[in-house]
């Protein structure tokens, strides 16, 4: 048959795994939901974001992690040819290996696998975060002018927001292909089963190609879908990922979404770290401005969450609140606890306040006041405070569950808080720790 005639060809476009964008945006880590709860998307929501754009972003010191201020942003729906766009950007970068941060509802699974294989080939590190270029409104999910900026081919000054981000379905498959996966605390990876679509490809007399949706026999569709799942299974084996990831996805209806627990992220081999820090995020509420960090620990099959919050009661001091979820034991933290930093050593209040975290688990909270100079330090440590009378006994904490904690100063929250401190009424100047953690 010649190109001048209509050439109907039944073509399987491949597995599609994507959710409406409005169903994907996770709350800030300061207010994390239970990660294992299924979430049904709003079928009347706005359409998916534009095709995924790859661009180089630059931020303040430690904007994308300790010692990291430059990264590759991957923002949008994974589509056909997405891996070619990433390949072109990597070629432009030459030998530079920048980490890549995804913000995507999913999309085409075959193209997600291609992105993953490309990242593995280049030895890239990947995480999840929403890159917001300067001039874009972080309160707007989608702006045409901002989208054009992301596709301009220029390096962009930006902020990496790990508190309002998403990586679902095909994005998860792309992510696990990276040589190193760093899934920060509070980050949610959404999975569900896949679908497959078929089209008729028509070529007109001028050689223009159009595609129209079509239906095939159920047996043909089932066979094609199983073939797609088989290809995902092979890919996951290549990447050293447990088949449990695919099994978990297949159990969830395509019009629903389930977030992986931290235990599953570890068990599936996506990120095997047993202690993970989130970045410091800036939170601006009616009660005042603060910087918030989430830490997740996975030990003995149990995940325990800690939340740190810094506020400015004055222009020269900070209030640090440290809350840690309780397990079956009555106390989670040592009786005497301190902050150690270059600016000095500061004792937490000995009395604990117990409140409820958003995950419905009780949380033990301590607080102290530290100099504002802490905002400029690379890290500080939270540890048990020994006394002469205690001696070695001070290291035996409640059920042996507390370990010395080094808190890194990465993320945009600290810089934003430093700029806000001293401007206007102080945040969290009154109230108890329980009210603000």
Protein backbone atom coordinates (compact mmCIF):
# COMPACT_ATOMS: atom_id res chain seq x y z
CA UNK A 1 0.00 0.00 0.00
CA UNK A 2 1.31 3.44 -0.82
CA UNK A 3 1.62 6.50 1.39
CA UNK A 4 -1.07 8.20 -0.72
CA UNK A 5 -3.80 5.94 0.58
CA UNK A 6 -5.13 5.80 4.12
CA UNK A 7 -3.07 3.25 5.99
CA UNK A 8 -4.95 1.97 9.06
CA UNK A 9 -2.51 0.37 11.46
CA UNK A 10 -3.54 -0.80 14.92
CA UNK A 11 -0.82 0.49 17.24
CA UNK A 12 -0.47 -0.14 20.97
CA UNK A 13 0.74 3.16 22.37
CA UNK A 14 2.04 1.45 25.45
CA UNK A 15 1.13 1.35 29.11
CA UNK A 16 -0.11 4.63 30.45
CA UNK A 17 0.08 5.34 34.15
CA UNK A 18 -0.84 8.84 35.14
CA UNK A 19 -3.21 10.55 37.55
CA UNK A 20 -4.93 13.93 37.39
CA UNK A 21 -2.50 16.54 38.64
CA UNK A 22 -4.85 17.82 41.30
CA UNK A 23 -4.91 14.39 42.91
CA UNK A 24 -1.16 14.27 43.27
CA UNK A 25 -0.04 17.34 45.11
CA UNK A 26 1.05 16.24 48.56
CA UNK A 27 0.77 18.44 51.66
CA UNK A 28 3.88 20.06 53.12
CA UNK A 29 6.06 17.78 55.27
CA UNK A 30 5.09 19.87 58.26
CA UNK A 31 1.65 18.33 57.90
CA UNK A 32 2.22 14.85 56.41
CA UNK A 33 -0.66 12.46 55.75
CA UNK A 34 -0.55 8.75 56.44
CA UNK A 35 1.34 7.48 53.40
CA UNK A 36 -0.40 4.13 52.98
CA UNK A 37 -3.93 5.45 52.67
CA UNK A 38 -5.47 5.05 49.20
CA UNK A 39 -6.45 8.26 47.46
CA UNK A 40 -9.14 8.43 44.81
CA UNK A 41 -8.52 11.09 42.19
CA UNK A 42 -11.03 13.73 41.24
CA UNK A 43 -12.17 12.67 37.80
CA UNK A 44 -13.44 16.18 37.14
CA UNK A 45 -10.05 17.74 37.87
CA UNK A 46 -7.93 19.81 35.52
CA UNK A 47 -6.07 18.00 32.72
CA UNK A 48 -2.59 16.62 33.24
CA UNK A 49 0.38 19.01 33.17
CA UNK A 50 2.18 19.68 29.86
CA UNK A 51 4.82 17.20 28.58
CA UNK A 52 7.77 16.88 30.92
CA UNK A 53 10.41 19.60 30.64
CA UNK A 54 14.05 19.17 31.65
CA UNK A 55 16.11 22.21 32.60
CA UNK A 56 19.01 23.21 34.83
CA UNK A 57 18.06 25.05 38.02
CA UNK A 58 20.30 26.99 40.40
CA UNK A 59 19.60 27.99 44.00
CA UNK A 60 21.22 29.10 47.22
CA UNK A 61 23.90 27.07 48.96
CA UNK A 62 22.51 23.63 49.95
CA UNK A 63 19.33 24.34 47.98
CA UNK A 64 19.13 20.75 46.70
CA UNK A 65 20.99 19.01 49.53
CA UNK A 66 24.22 19.32 51.45
CA UNK A 67 26.78 20.95 49.14
CA UNK A 68 24.27 21.05 46.26
CA UNK A 69 23.03 24.26 44.66
CA UNK A 70 22.47 23.16 41.05
CA UNK A 71 20.21 20.41 39.73
CA UNK A 72 18.19 19.13 36.76
CA UNK A 73 14.46 19.77 37.07
CA UNK A 74 12.10 17.21 35.52
CA UNK A 75 8.64 18.77 35.54
CA UNK A 76 5.50 17.53 33.78
CA UNK A 77 3.80 14.50 32.25
CA UNK A 78 6.07 11.78 30.85
CA UNK A 79 5.40 11.58 27.11
CA UNK A 80 6.82 10.02 23.96
CA UNK A 81 10.29 11.38 23.32
CA UNK A 82 10.87 12.50 26.91
CA UNK A 83 14.10 10.47 27.13
CA UNK A 84 15.41 12.17 23.98
CA UNK A 85 14.92 15.60 25.58
CA UNK A 86 16.77 14.49 28.69
CA UNK A 87 19.55 13.00 26.55
CA UNK A 88 19.94 16.32 24.73
CA UNK A 89 20.26 18.21 28.02
CA UNK A 90 22.83 15.75 29.35
CA UNK A 91 24.84 16.17 26.16
CA UNK A 92 24.76 19.92 26.68
CA UNK A 93 26.04 19.47 30.25
CA UNK A 94 29.01 17.45 29.06
CA UNK A 95 30.58 15.51 31.92
CA UNK A 96 28.71 17.31 34.71
CA UNK A 97 26.57 14.93 36.79
CA UNK A 98 23.83 16.98 38.38
CA UNK A 99 21.12 15.33 40.49
CA UNK A 100 17.68 15.21 38.89
CA UNK A 101 14.45 15.99 40.77
CA UNK A 102 11.11 14.79 39.42
CA UNK A 103 7.75 16.50 39.78
CA UNK A 104 5.40 14.41 37.68
CA UNK A 105 1.97 12.74 37.83
CA UNK A 106 3.23 9.93 35.57
CA UNK A 107 2.42 9.33 31.94
CA UNK A 108 3.80 6.89 29.38
CA UNK A 109 5.36 3.87 31.07
CA UNK A 110 7.64 2.85 28.14
CA UNK A 111 9.08 6.36 28.09
CA UNK A 112 9.45 6.31 31.87
CA UNK A 113 11.49 3.13 31.57
CA UNK A 114 13.62 4.77 28.88
CA UNK A 115 14.33 7.72 31.18
CA UNK A 116 15.28 5.31 33.96
CA UNK A 117 17.69 3.37 31.76
CA UNK A 118 19.29 6.61 30.57
CA UNK A 119 19.84 7.78 34.16
CA UNK A 120 21.35 4.42 35.12
CA UNK A 121 23.66 4.54 32.10
CA UNK A 122 24.86 8.03 33.12
CA UNK A 123 25.16 7.21 36.83
CA UNK A 124 22.73 9.93 37.93
CA UNK A 125 21.21 10.55 41.35
CA UNK A 126 17.46 11.20 41.45
CA UNK A 127 14.98 12.53 43.98
CA UNK A 128 11.55 14.15 44.09
CA UNK A 129 10.94 17.89 44.26
CA UNK A 130 9.00 20.67 42.56
CA UNK A 131 11.32 23.23 40.95
CA UNK A 132 9.81 26.73 41.06
CA UNK A 133 11.79 29.19 38.89
CA UNK A 134 12.12 32.81 39.98
CA UNK A 135 9.18 34.76 38.59
CA UNK A 136 6.77 31.81 38.79
CA UNK A 137 3.97 31.86 41.35
CA UNK A 138 4.38 28.90 43.73
CA UNK A 139 0.67 29.12 44.55
CA UNK A 140 -0.29 28.41 40.93
CA UNK A 141 -0.15 24.83 39.71
CA UNK A 142 0.14 25.84 36.10
CA UNK A 143 1.11 29.09 34.40
CA UNK A 144 1.62 29.32 30.62
CA UNK A 145 4.37 31.93 31.05
CA UNK A 146 6.13 29.74 33.62
CA UNK A 147 5.88 26.71 31.36
CA UNK A 148 7.45 28.67 28.51
CA UNK A 149 10.26 29.69 30.85
CA UNK A 150 10.95 26.05 31.74
CA UNK A 151 11.22 25.22 28.03
CA UNK A 152 13.43 28.19 27.14
CA UNK A 153 16.64 26.14 27.27
CA UNK A 154 18.16 28.56 29.80
CA UNK A 155 19.53 27.80 33.24
CA UNK A 156 17.02 29.19 35.75
CA UNK A 157 17.35 30.55 39.26
CA UNK A 158 14.84 28.53 41.26
CA UNK A 159 13.71 27.09 44.58
CA UNK A 160 13.32 23.35 45.14
CA UNK A 161 10.08 22.61 47.00
CA UNK A 162 9.94 19.10 48.43
CA UNK A 163 6.79 19.84 50.39
CA UNK A 164 4.35 20.25 47.49
CA UNK A 165 5.50 17.70 44.97
CA UNK A 166 4.49 14.43 43.34
CA UNK A 167 5.97 11.38 41.67
CA UNK A 168 3.36 8.84 40.67
CA UNK A 169 2.92 5.83 38.44
CA UNK A 170 5.31 6.06 35.45
CA UNK A 171 7.37 8.63 37.37
CA UNK A 172 8.12 6.02 40.04
CA UNK A 173 9.36 3.60 37.37
CA UNK A 174 11.59 6.32 35.91
CA UNK A 175 12.89 7.29 39.35
CA UNK A 176 14.02 3.79 40.33
CA UNK A 177 16.26 3.65 37.26
CA UNK A 178 18.65 6.24 38.72
CA UNK A 179 21.97 4.92 39.97
CA UNK A 180 21.22 6.51 43.38
CA UNK A 181 17.71 7.25 44.68
CA UNK A 182 17.33 9.69 47.56
CA UNK A 183 13.70 9.86 48.67
CA UNK A 184 13.53 12.54 51.36
CA UNK A 185 11.38 12.32 54.47
CA UNK A 186 7.76 13.17 53.79
CA UNK A 187 8.05 12.44 50.05
CA UNK A 188 5.22 10.31 48.70
CA UNK A 189 5.54 7.88 45.79
CA UNK A 190 2.15 6.98 44.32
CA UNK A 191 1.44 3.70 42.52
CA UNK A 192 -1.50 2.13 40.75
CA UNK A 193 -2.16 -0.36 37.97
CA UNK A 194 -1.62 0.54 34.33
CA UNK A 195 -3.84 0.80 31.28
CA UNK A 196 -3.12 0.34 27.62
CA UNK A 197 -4.59 2.20 24.65
CA UNK A 198 -4.78 1.48 20.94
CA UNK A 199 -4.99 3.85 17.99
CA UNK A 200 -5.46 3.74 14.26
CA UNK A 201 -2.61 5.46 12.49
CA UNK A 202 -3.63 7.18 9.26
CA UNK A 203 -1.27 8.62 6.70
CA UNK A 204 -2.77 11.02 4.18
CA UNK A 205 -1.56 11.77 0.68
CA UNK A 206 0.83 14.44 1.96
CA UNK A 207 2.41 12.04 4.40
CA UNK A 208 0.79 13.58 7.49
CA UNK A 209 0.16 11.12 10.28
CA UNK A 210 -2.91 11.26 12.53
CA UNK A 211 -3.98 8.84 15.24
CA UNK A 212 -7.50 7.98 16.30
CA UNK A 213 -8.48 5.90 19.35
CA UNK A 214 -9.84 2.48 18.56
CA UNK A 215 -10.97 -0.64 20.36
CA UNK A 216 -9.62 -4.17 20.10
CA UNK A 217 -10.87 -7.53 21.27
CA UNK A 218 -10.61 -8.01 25.08
CA UNK A 219 -8.22 -10.94 24.61
CA UNK A 220 -5.89 -8.77 22.53
CA UNK A 221 -6.00 -6.01 25.13
CA UNK A 222 -5.27 -8.43 27.99
CA UNK A 223 -2.33 -9.91 26.13
CA UNK A 224 -0.88 -6.50 25.33
CA UNK A 225 -1.31 -5.32 28.92
CA UNK A 226 0.40 -8.44 30.29
CA UNK A 227 3.23 -7.91 27.83
CA UNK A 228 3.66 -4.41 29.20
CA UNK A 229 3.77 -5.69 32.77
CA UNK A 230 6.36 -8.30 31.73
CA UNK A 231 8.56 -5.51 30.36
CA UNK A 232 8.23 -3.57 33.62
CA UNK A 233 9.21 -6.71 35.57
CA UNK A 234 12.34 -7.17 33.44
CA UNK A 235 13.24 -3.51 33.92
CA UNK A 236 12.85 -3.70 37.71
CA UNK A 237 15.14 -6.74 37.82
CA UNK A 238 17.73 -4.80 35.82
CA UNK A 239 17.55 -1.95 38.33
CA UNK A 240 17.78 -4.18 41.40
CA UNK A 241 14.25 -3.35 42.54
CA UNK A 242 12.04 -5.89 44.28
CA UNK A 243 9.12 -7.32 42.26
CA UNK A 244 7.04 -6.23 45.24
CA UNK A 245 6.85 -2.76 43.70
CA UNK A 246 5.02 -4.02 40.61
CA UNK A 247 2.86 -6.32 42.70
CA UNK A 248 1.83 -3.38 44.91
CA UNK A 249 0.99 -1.26 41.86
CA UNK A 250 -1.11 -3.98 40.23
CA UNK A 251 -3.28 -4.27 43.35
CA UNK A 252 -4.49 -0.66 43.02
CA UNK A 253 -7.22 0.30 40.56
CA UNK A 254 -6.05 2.58 37.77
CA UNK A 255 -8.46 5.32 38.87
CA UNK A 256 -7.07 5.25 42.42
CA UNK A 257 -3.68 5.88 43.98
CA UNK A 258 -1.77 4.41 46.92
CA UNK A 259 1.31 5.96 48.45
CA UNK A 260 4.17 3.67 49.36
CA UNK A 261 5.12 3.56 53.01
CA UNK A 262 8.70 4.29 54.07
CA UNK A 263 9.00 0.61 54.93
CA UNK A 264 8.05 -0.34 51.36
CA UNK A 265 10.48 2.22 49.92
CA UNK A 266 13.23 0.50 51.92
CA UNK A 267 12.06 -3.09 51.34
CA UNK A 268 11.60 -2.61 47.59
CA UNK A 269 15.16 -1.28 47.33
CA UNK A 270 14.18 2.20 46.15
CA UNK A 271 16.01 3.95 49.01
CA UNK A 272 17.53 1.62 51.59
CA UNK A 273 18.59 4.27 54.11
CA UNK A 274 17.15 3.62 57.57
CA UNK A 275 17.22 7.30 58.55
CA UNK A 276 16.18 10.00 56.10
CA UNK A 277 16.05 13.77 56.48
CA UNK A 278 13.78 16.05 54.58
CA UNK A 279 14.90 19.54 53.59
CA UNK A 280 14.12 22.60 55.66
CA UNK A 281 10.93 24.10 54.22
CA UNK A 282 9.52 27.56 54.78
CA UNK A 283 5.98 27.61 56.17
CA UNK A 284 4.11 30.92 56.34
CA UNK A 285 0.97 30.68 58.47
CA UNK A 286 -1.28 33.09 60.33
CA UNK A 287 0.51 32.16 63.56
CA UNK A 288 3.84 33.21 62.05
CA UNK A 289 6.65 32.08 59.78
CA UNK A 290 8.73 29.01 60.49
CA UNK A 291 11.18 26.55 58.96
CA UNK A 292 10.15 22.90 59.22
CA UNK A 293 12.03 19.65 58.71
CA UNK A 294 10.79 16.05 58.81
CA UNK A 295 13.01 13.08 59.69
CA UNK A 296 11.92 9.46 59.21
CA UNK A 297 13.65 6.51 60.86
CA UNK A 298 13.01 2.92 59.84
CA UNK A 299 14.22 0.49 62.46
CA UNK A 300 13.13 -3.05 63.32
CA UNK A 301 10.29 -2.84 60.83
CA UNK A 302 8.84 0.34 62.36
CA UNK A 303 8.84 3.87 60.95
CA UNK A 304 9.14 6.72 63.42
CA UNK A 305 8.71 10.34 62.40
CA UNK A 306 10.34 13.40 63.94
CA UNK A 307 9.44 17.01 63.18
CA UNK A 308 11.64 20.04 63.85
CA UNK A 309 10.32 23.58 63.73
CA UNK A 310 12.27 26.86 64.00
CA UNK A 311 10.51 30.16 64.67
CA UNK A 312 11.66 33.69 65.56
CA UNK A 313 10.39 34.92 68.94
CA UNK A 314 12.77 37.89 68.52
CA UNK A 315 15.25 39.32 66.03
CA UNK A 316 18.18 37.66 67.85
CA UNK A 317 16.83 34.28 68.95
CA UNK A 318 15.15 31.19 67.56
CA UNK A 319 12.74 28.82 69.22
CA UNK A 320 13.53 25.21 68.29
CA UNK A 321 10.83 22.60 68.78
CA UNK A 322 11.65 18.93 68.42
CA UNK A 323 8.84 16.38 68.32
CA UNK A 324 9.25 12.63 68.00
CA UNK A 325 6.51 10.06 67.58
CA UNK A 326 6.06 7.64 70.43
CA UNK A 327 6.06 3.91 70.00
CA UNK A 328 4.64 1.44 72.50
CA UNK A 329 6.94 2.85 75.18
CA UNK A 330 5.84 5.70 77.44
CA UNK A 331 8.82 7.89 76.58
CA UNK A 332 10.58 8.38 73.26
CA UNK A 333 13.29 10.85 74.26
CA UNK A 334 15.94 10.89 77.01
CA UNK A 335 15.15 12.86 80.13
CA UNK A 336 17.98 15.30 79.42
CA UNK A 337 18.43 16.47 75.86
CA UNK A 338 20.57 19.23 74.35
CA UNK A 339 21.43 21.00 71.10
CA UNK A 340 25.12 21.24 70.28
CA UNK A 341 26.29 23.73 67.64
CA UNK A 342 29.16 26.12 66.95
CA UNK A 343 27.11 28.80 68.69
CA UNK A 344 27.14 26.76 71.92
CA UNK A 345 25.21 24.08 73.80
CA UNK A 346 21.57 24.58 74.75
CA UNK A 347 19.38 22.39 76.95
CA UNK A 348 15.87 21.40 75.96
CA UNK A 349 13.21 21.84 78.59
CA UNK A 350 13.15 18.72 80.72
CA UNK A 351 9.36 18.44 80.77
CA UNK A 352 7.78 16.86 77.69
CA UNK A 353 4.50 17.76 76.04
CA UNK A 354 2.59 14.93 74.39
CA UNK A 355 0.33 15.78 71.49
CA UNK A 356 -1.08 14.03 68.45
CA UNK A 357 0.76 14.12 65.13
CA UNK A 358 -1.25 14.16 61.91
CA UNK A 359 -0.60 10.43 61.54
CA UNK A 360 -2.63 9.97 64.75
CA UNK A 361 0.37 8.78 66.71
CA UNK A 362 1.24 10.46 70.02
CA UNK A 363 4.26 12.75 69.78
CA UNK A 364 6.64 13.83 72.51
CA UNK A 365 7.77 17.44 72.12
CA UNK A 366 10.70 19.39 73.58
CA UNK A 367 11.70 22.99 73.00
CA UNK A 368 14.59 25.35 73.62
CA UNK A 369 15.83 28.79 72.61
CA UNK A 370 19.01 29.19 70.54
CA UNK A 371 20.83 32.16 68.94
CA UNK A 372 19.73 33.20 65.48
CA UNK A 373 23.30 32.46 64.34
CA UNK A 374 22.19 28.81 64.18
CA UNK A 375 20.59 29.60 60.82
CA UNK A 376 24.04 30.10 59.30
CA UNK A 377 25.61 26.89 60.59
CA UNK A 378 26.03 23.85 58.30
CA UNK A 379 24.55 21.50 60.91
CA UNK A 380 23.70 21.06 64.57
CA UNK A 381 23.34 18.01 66.78
CA UNK A 382 20.57 16.84 69.09
CA UNK A 383 21.93 14.46 71.69
CA UNK A 384 21.51 13.20 75.21
CA UNK A 385 23.02 15.54 77.80
CA UNK A 386 25.23 13.67 80.25
CA UNK A 387 25.77 14.80 83.82
CA UNK A 388 28.50 13.81 86.29
CA UNK A 389 26.03 11.94 88.43
CA UNK A 390 24.76 9.96 85.46
CA UNK A 391 28.06 9.10 83.83
CA UNK A 392 27.76 6.20 81.44
CA UNK A 393 24.15 5.64 82.44
CA UNK A 394 23.16 8.67 80.41
CA UNK A 395 23.56 6.72 77.19
CA UNK A 396 20.77 4.29 78.06
CA UNK A 397 17.70 5.94 76.60
CA UNK A 398 14.09 4.95 76.61
CA UNK A 399 14.08 1.38 75.27
CA UNK A 400 17.35 2.19 73.47
CA UNK A 401 15.36 3.91 70.72
CA UNK A 402 17.03 7.33 70.64
CA UNK A 403 20.22 7.87 68.67
CA UNK A 404 22.37 11.01 68.42
CA UNK A 405 20.89 13.10 65.63
CA UNK A 406 22.86 15.39 63.30
CA UNK A 407 20.56 17.86 61.55
CA UNK A 408 21.80 19.25 58.22
CA UNK A 409 21.08 22.82 57.10
CA UNK A 410 19.88 22.00 53.58
CA UNK A 411 16.82 23.33 51.78
CA UNK A 412 15.30 26.76 51.15
CA UNK A 413 13.52 27.13 54.50
CA UNK A 414 16.39 28.45 56.59
CA UNK A 415 17.30 31.23 54.17
CA UNK A 416 13.67 32.30 53.89
CA UNK A 417 13.28 32.30 57.67
CA UNK A 418 16.48 34.31 58.11
CA UNK A 419 15.09 36.96 55.77
CA UNK A 420 11.79 37.02 57.64
CA UNK A 421 13.19 37.16 61.20
CA UNK A 422 12.87 40.63 62.61
CA UNK A 423 10.25 41.69 60.04
CA UNK A 424 6.87 42.26 61.60
CA UNK A 425 5.45 40.45 64.63
CA UNK A 426 7.39 37.37 65.72
CA UNK A 427 5.94 33.98 64.82
CA UNK A 428 5.09 31.49 67.57
CA UNK A 429 5.86 34.02 70.30
CA UNK A 430 3.13 32.59 72.47
CA UNK A 431 1.43 29.28 73.03
CA UNK A 432 2.89 25.90 73.88
CA UNK A 433 5.08 23.56 71.89
CA UNK A 434 2.14 21.22 71.51
CA UNK A 435 0.18 23.87 69.64
CA UNK A 436 2.83 24.55 67.03
CA UNK A 437 4.71 21.34 66.27
